[in-house]
Amino acid sequence: MKKILFLIIFSIYSFLTVAQELNINVQVKAPRVVNADPRVFVTLEKEINEFLNYTKWTDDDFEDHEKIEGNLNITITEDPSATSFTADFFIQSIRPVYNSNYKSPVINMVDNGVSFTYQESQPIENNTNIYVDQLSSMLTYYAYMILGYDYDSFSSLGGDRYFALAQDVVNAIPSDNRSASRGWQAAGNRFNKYWRVENVMNPKVRPMRQAIHEYYISAMDQMTIDLDKSKAIIVSALNTIQGVNSVYPNSVAMQMFVDSKRDEIIEIFKGSSKGQQKKVYDIMVKLDPAQASEYNVLR
């Protein structure tokens, strides 16, 4: 009997350690709470952590060291009532670079002024096709976006399935509910959840996604083997991305790319030859004009 019980416990433990895909550090801060009990945010943080990190999001099994790392920082900015909140969300995911201790930022996504309701013991549900509540939809959407970008980095267009699931979440938001649909519709801010997934699924952006895959697999993962070749591949990938920017200027997908890669690209090329630095500078100031001064180190 003890042996059977041990095997059951071991099987459950093994499932928990290899099955789930995400390892997201969740932090909820509420510096200016007026109406809500501050203890509710401790529970909220715990519930979000368990939802993201203990939900089975894919059909693949992940070893513990393969889990996708990241951060979700939620800052409560308003609490109109004890159960209704407005918050700023910051979502980040990172990817290990092979043969090194370096972890490369994949997405840095900001979602400001998000309204949702929550009360203790309220379940957070993963349902892509049926709207349950704002918080469940947001977290499910973020999870699939993280997965899509991560899978893209390992295989060309490998994130299609997960971007499509994120789009299903968007399509399930009730358009006749003004409060629920805010931030999810085409008519809203161009950096909202609708446009983020629309852009990455847009056929015009596919060459950019393929170039980002090359950036990781053929360049970042090979840097410790052949640094000069890896840098040349990154320059080629940036040229492709610039081509996409010419066809589809000012896209949200492009802004997400430069927001996550700006510091990394500067660090990679600041010790390169002047000729290579100039090539990268000329490309990046076109892709990221609002932050052009950041690239002056490459001039």
Protein backbone atom coordinates (compact mmCIF):
# COMPACT_ATOMS: atom_id res chain seq x y z
CA MET A 1 0.00 0.00 0.00
CA LYS A 2 2.82 2.39 0.90
CA LYS A 3 4.52 1.59 -2.40
CA ILE A 4 1.34 2.37 -4.35
CA LEU A 5 0.88 5.62 -2.44
CA PHE A 6 4.51 6.57 -3.15
CA LEU A 7 4.06 5.89 -6.86
CA ILE A 8 0.91 8.03 -6.96
CA ILE A 9 2.64 10.92 -5.18
CA PHE A 10 5.71 10.57 -7.40
CA SER A 11 3.56 10.57 -10.54
CA ILE A 12 1.74 13.73 -9.44
CA TYR A 13 5.03 15.42 -8.56
CA SER A 14 6.56 14.40 -11.88
CA PHE A 15 3.58 15.83 -13.76
CA LEU A 16 3.81 19.15 -11.94
CA THR A 17 7.54 19.48 -12.59
CA VAL A 18 7.59 18.68 -16.31
CA ALA A 19 4.13 19.46 -17.67
CA GLN A 20 3.68 23.19 -17.26
CA GLU A 21 5.40 25.59 -19.61
CA LEU A 22 5.62 28.91 -17.78
CA ASN A 23 7.73 30.15 -14.90
CA ILE A 24 6.48 33.70 -14.52
CA ASN A 25 7.35 35.79 -11.49
CA VAL A 26 4.17 37.65 -10.52
CA GLN A 27 4.11 40.81 -8.42
CA VAL A 28 1.03 42.84 -7.53
CA LYS A 29 1.55 46.27 -5.98
CA ALA A 30 -1.15 48.59 -4.69
CA PRO A 31 0.51 51.78 -3.44
CA ARG A 32 -2.62 53.93 -3.38
CA VAL A 33 -5.42 51.66 -2.24
CA VAL A 34 -8.49 53.48 -0.91
CA ASN A 35 -11.45 51.10 -0.85
CA ALA A 36 -10.06 47.57 -1.07
CA ASP A 37 -8.62 45.47 1.73
CA PRO A 38 -4.86 45.32 0.99
CA ARG A 39 -4.91 41.60 1.79
CA VAL A 40 -6.91 40.96 -1.38
CA PHE A 41 -3.84 41.77 -3.46
CA VAL A 42 -1.82 39.08 -1.70
CA THR A 43 -4.48 36.59 -2.72
CA LEU A 44 -4.64 38.04 -6.23
CA GLU A 45 -0.89 37.66 -6.68
CA LYS A 46 -1.05 34.05 -5.50
CA GLU A 47 -4.00 33.21 -7.76
CA ILE A 48 -2.38 34.74 -10.84
CA ASN A 49 0.88 32.94 -10.12
CA GLU A 50 -0.90 29.61 -9.85
CA PHE A 51 -3.00 30.25 -12.96
CA LEU A 52 -0.06 31.13 -15.19
CA ASN A 53 2.46 28.63 -13.87
CA TYR A 54 0.26 25.60 -13.16
CA THR A 55 -2.01 25.66 -16.20
CA LYS A 56 -1.12 23.24 -19.01
CA TRP A 57 -1.00 25.59 -22.01
CA THR A 58 0.37 23.32 -24.76
CA ASP A 59 0.52 19.66 -25.79
CA ASP A 60 4.28 19.63 -25.21
CA ASP A 61 6.06 18.50 -22.08
CA PHE A 62 8.62 20.91 -20.67
CA GLU A 63 11.46 19.90 -18.39
CA ASP A 64 11.96 22.26 -15.47
CA HIS A 65 14.95 23.98 -17.12
CA GLU A 66 12.95 24.47 -20.33
CA LYS A 67 10.15 26.51 -18.77
CA ILE A 68 9.65 29.98 -20.22
CA GLU A 69 10.77 32.57 -17.71
CA GLY A 70 9.37 36.03 -17.34
CA ASN A 71 7.79 38.65 -15.15
CA LEU A 72 4.31 40.03 -14.72
CA ASN A 73 4.22 43.23 -12.68
CA ILE A 74 0.80 44.65 -11.87
CA THR A 75 0.48 48.08 -10.29
CA ILE A 76 -3.00 48.93 -9.02
CA THR A 77 -3.56 52.61 -9.81
CA GLU A 78 -7.22 52.97 -8.79
CA ASP A 79 -9.78 51.03 -6.76
CA PRO A 80 -13.20 52.59 -7.37
CA SER A 81 -14.72 49.91 -5.16
CA ALA A 82 -13.58 47.01 -3.01
CA THR A 83 -13.75 44.66 -6.02
CA SER A 84 -13.11 46.88 -9.05
CA PHE A 85 -9.62 48.01 -10.07
CA THR A 86 -7.59 49.83 -12.68
CA ALA A 87 -4.01 48.71 -13.14
CA ASP A 88 -0.89 48.98 -15.26
CA PHE A 89 0.46 45.64 -16.46
CA PHE A 90 4.07 45.00 -17.48
CA ILE A 91 4.69 41.64 -19.15
CA GLN A 92 8.18 40.37 -19.94
CA SER A 93 9.51 37.05 -21.15
CA ILE A 94 13.11 35.95 -21.58
CA ARG A 95 14.87 33.17 -23.43
CA PRO A 96 18.14 31.45 -22.52
CA VAL A 97 20.91 31.71 -25.10
CA TYR A 98 22.61 28.39 -25.73
CA ASN A 99 26.16 27.85 -24.50
CA SER A 100 26.02 30.90 -22.24
CA ASN A 101 24.53 32.24 -19.03
CA TYR A 102 22.85 35.09 -20.90
CA LYS A 103 19.07 35.38 -21.07
CA SER A 104 17.70 37.37 -23.98
CA PRO A 105 14.53 39.50 -23.63
CA VAL A 106 11.83 38.26 -25.98
CA ILE A 107 8.94 40.58 -25.19
CA ASN A 108 8.51 43.69 -23.07
CA MET A 109 4.83 44.54 -23.23
CA VAL A 110 3.07 47.35 -21.36
CA ASP A 111 -0.71 47.42 -20.91
CA ASN A 112 -1.75 50.56 -19.03
CA GLY A 113 -5.08 51.59 -17.59
CA VAL A 114 -6.65 48.13 -17.59
CA SER A 115 -9.91 47.79 -15.65
CA PHE A 116 -11.05 44.52 -14.09
CA THR A 117 -13.00 43.15 -11.16
CA TYR A 118 -11.75 40.65 -8.61
CA GLN A 119 -12.84 39.34 -5.26
CA GLU A 120 -11.17 36.74 -3.09
CA SER A 121 -11.85 33.12 -4.08
CA GLN A 122 -12.92 34.22 -7.57
CA PRO A 123 -11.62 31.57 -9.99
CA ILE A 124 -9.40 32.60 -12.91
CA GLU A 125 -10.34 30.50 -15.93
CA ASN A 126 -8.57 29.52 -19.13
CA ASN A 127 -11.25 29.74 -21.80
CA THR A 128 -10.27 31.00 -25.24
CA ASN A 129 -13.67 30.93 -26.93
CA ILE A 130 -16.06 32.07 -24.22
CA TYR A 131 -15.75 35.31 -22.27
CA VAL A 132 -15.74 34.72 -18.51
CA ASP A 133 -14.34 37.93 -17.08
CA GLN A 134 -11.73 40.56 -17.92
CA LEU A 135 -8.97 39.19 -15.70
CA SER A 136 -9.27 35.64 -17.05
CA SER A 137 -9.20 36.87 -20.64
CA MET A 138 -6.19 39.13 -20.09
CA LEU A 139 -4.07 36.50 -18.39
CA THR A 140 -4.96 33.85 -20.96
CA TYR A 141 -4.10 36.29 -23.74
CA TYR A 142 -0.74 37.17 -22.16
CA ALA A 143 0.11 33.48 -21.71
CA TYR A 144 -0.53 32.67 -25.36
CA MET A 145 1.39 35.74 -26.55
CA ILE A 146 4.37 34.70 -24.43
CA LEU A 147 4.17 31.17 -25.85
CA GLY A 148 3.82 32.42 -29.42
CA TYR A 149 6.90 34.61 -29.28
CA ASP A 150 8.94 31.94 -27.52
CA TYR A 151 8.00 29.22 -30.02
CA ASP A 152 8.82 31.62 -32.87
CA SER A 153 12.34 31.96 -31.49
CA PHE A 154 12.96 28.22 -31.70
CA SER A 155 11.25 27.37 -35.01
CA SER A 156 10.27 29.49 -37.99
CA LEU A 157 6.69 30.71 -37.46
CA GLY A 158 6.42 28.15 -34.66
CA GLY A 159 4.19 30.46 -32.63
CA ASP A 160 1.29 30.45 -35.11
CA ARG A 161 -0.88 28.13 -33.04
CA TYR A 162 -0.53 30.22 -29.88
CA PHE A 163 -1.01 33.56 -31.61
CA ALA A 164 -4.19 32.12 -33.10
CA LEU A 165 -5.36 31.14 -29.62
CA ALA A 166 -4.61 34.67 -28.38
CA GLN A 167 -6.69 35.95 -31.29
CA ASP A 168 -9.52 33.62 -30.23
CA VAL A 169 -9.45 35.29 -26.81
CA VAL A 170 -9.75 38.69 -28.50
CA ASN A 171 -12.66 37.50 -30.67
CA ALA A 172 -14.53 36.18 -27.63
CA ILE A 173 -14.66 39.58 -25.92
CA PRO A 174 -18.29 40.83 -26.10
CA SER A 175 -18.32 43.85 -28.38
CA ASP A 176 -21.63 45.08 -26.96
CA ASN A 177 -20.10 45.43 -23.48
CA ARG A 178 -18.21 48.72 -23.56
CA SER A 179 -16.37 48.08 -20.31
CA ALA A 180 -15.31 44.55 -21.25
CA SER A 181 -14.30 45.44 -24.81
CA ARG A 182 -12.08 48.41 -23.95
CA GLY A 183 -8.55 47.65 -25.09
CA TRP A 184 -9.65 44.70 -27.22
CA GLN A 185 -11.13 46.33 -30.33
CA ALA A 186 -9.70 47.61 -33.61
CA ALA A 187 -11.15 51.04 -32.92
CA GLY A 188 -9.05 51.45 -29.79
CA ASN A 189 -5.45 52.44 -29.17
CA ARG A 190 -3.13 50.94 -31.77
CA PHE A 191 -1.03 49.37 -29.01
CA ASN A 192 -3.96 47.49 -27.52
CA LYS A 193 -4.41 43.73 -27.36
CA TYR A 194 -6.31 43.56 -30.66
CA TRP A 195 -3.51 45.18 -32.66
CA ARG A 196 -0.68 43.34 -30.93
CA VAL A 197 -1.94 39.97 -32.08
CA GLU A 198 -3.30 41.26 -35.40
CA ASN A 199 0.12 42.62 -36.31
CA VAL A 200 2.04 39.49 -35.45
CA MET A 201 -0.46 37.40 -37.47
CA ASN A 202 -0.43 39.80 -40.43
CA PRO A 203 1.19 38.21 -43.55
CA LYS A 204 3.21 41.41 -44.05
CA VAL A 205 5.00 40.68 -40.76
CA ARG A 206 5.87 37.04 -41.51
CA PRO A 207 9.34 37.84 -42.95
CA MET A 208 10.11 39.75 -39.77
CA ARG A 209 9.13 36.78 -37.61
CA GLN A 210 11.31 34.51 -39.74
CA ALA A 211 14.19 36.97 -39.41
CA ILE A 212 13.78 37.02 -35.62
CA HIS A 213 13.98 33.22 -35.64
CA GLU A 214 17.30 33.49 -37.52
CA TYR A 215 18.40 36.15 -35.03
CA TYR A 216 18.06 33.60 -32.25
CA ILE A 217 18.88 30.22 -33.77
CA SER A 218 21.64 31.18 -36.20
CA ALA A 219 23.12 34.16 -34.35
CA MET A 220 22.44 34.44 -30.62
CA ASP A 221 22.69 30.69 -30.00
CA GLN A 222 25.94 30.53 -32.00
CA MET A 223 27.74 33.57 -30.61
CA THR A 224 30.13 31.65 -28.41
CA ILE A 225 31.13 29.55 -31.43
CA ASP A 226 31.56 32.25 -34.10
CA LEU A 227 30.97 35.82 -32.93
CA ASP A 228 31.72 37.54 -36.25
CA LYS A 229 29.42 35.24 -38.24
CA SER A 230 26.66 35.69 -35.65
CA LYS A 231 26.90 39.46 -35.87
CA ALA A 232 26.72 39.30 -39.68
CA ILE A 233 23.56 37.18 -39.43
CA ILE A 234 22.00 39.71 -37.06
CA VAL A 235 22.76 42.53 -39.52
CA SER A 236 21.11 40.47 -42.27
CA ALA A 237 18.08 39.85 -40.04
CA LEU A 238 17.84 43.57 -39.25
CA ASN A 239 17.91 44.35 -42.97
CA THR A 240 14.96 41.98 -43.46
CA ILE A 241 13.12 43.60 -40.56
CA GLN A 242 13.75 47.03 -42.06
CA GLY A 243 12.23 45.74 -45.29
CA VAL A 244 9.09 44.78 -43.39
CA ASN A 245 9.04 48.23 -41.78
CA SER A 246 9.11 49.82 -45.24
CA VAL A 247 6.09 47.78 -46.33
CA TYR A 248 4.22 48.04 -43.03
CA PRO A 249 5.50 51.17 -41.23
CA ASN A 250 4.84 51.99 -37.58
CA SER A 251 3.45 48.56 -36.77
CA VAL A 252 2.91 47.44 -33.19
CA ALA A 253 4.96 44.32 -33.94
CA MET A 254 7.91 46.55 -34.86
CA GLN A 255 7.56 48.59 -31.68
CA MET A 256 7.49 45.42 -29.61
CA PHE A 257 10.66 44.25 -31.34
CA VAL A 258 12.66 47.43 -30.69
CA ASP A 259 11.36 47.72 -27.12
CA SER A 260 12.70 44.27 -26.32
CA LYS A 261 15.87 44.36 -28.43
CA ARG A 262 17.15 47.95 -28.20
CA ASP A 263 19.61 47.46 -25.34
CA GLU A 264 20.68 44.02 -26.52
CA ILE A 265 21.54 45.18 -30.05
CA ILE A 266 23.48 48.17 -28.76
CA GLU A 267 25.48 45.94 -26.41
CA ILE A 268 26.25 43.41 -29.16
CA PHE A 269 27.54 45.94 -31.67
CA LYS A 270 29.16 48.67 -29.60
CA GLY A 271 32.50 46.87 -29.91
CA SER A 272 32.19 46.11 -33.63
CA SER A 273 33.96 47.72 -36.55
CA LYS A 274 32.90 51.25 -37.48
CA GLY A 275 31.48 50.01 -40.76
CA GLN A 276 29.27 47.41 -39.06
CA GLN A 277 28.24 49.85 -36.36
CA LYS A 278 27.12 52.35 -38.98
CA LYS A 279 25.01 49.72 -40.74
CA VAL A 280 23.28 48.82 -37.50
CA TYR A 281 22.86 52.47 -36.50
CA ASP A 282 21.29 53.38 -39.85
CA ILE A 283 18.80 50.52 -39.58
CA MET A 284 17.87 50.98 -35.95
CA VAL A 285 17.20 54.72 -36.09
CA LYS A 286 14.69 53.97 -38.85
CA LEU A 287 13.07 51.17 -36.86
CA ASP A 288 13.14 53.08 -33.57
CA PRO A 289 13.12 56.82 -34.38
CA ALA A 290 11.65 57.86 -31.03
CA GLN A 291 14.75 56.47 -29.30
CA ALA A 292 17.29 57.38 -31.98
CA SER A 293 19.62 59.03 -29.47
CA GLU A 294 20.06 55.69 -27.68
CA TYR A 295 22.02 54.43 -30.69
CA ASN A 296 24.51 57.29 -30.74
CA VAL A 297 27.11 54.99 -29.22
CA LEU A 298 27.14 53.18 -32.57
CA ARG A 299 27.67 56.27 -34.71
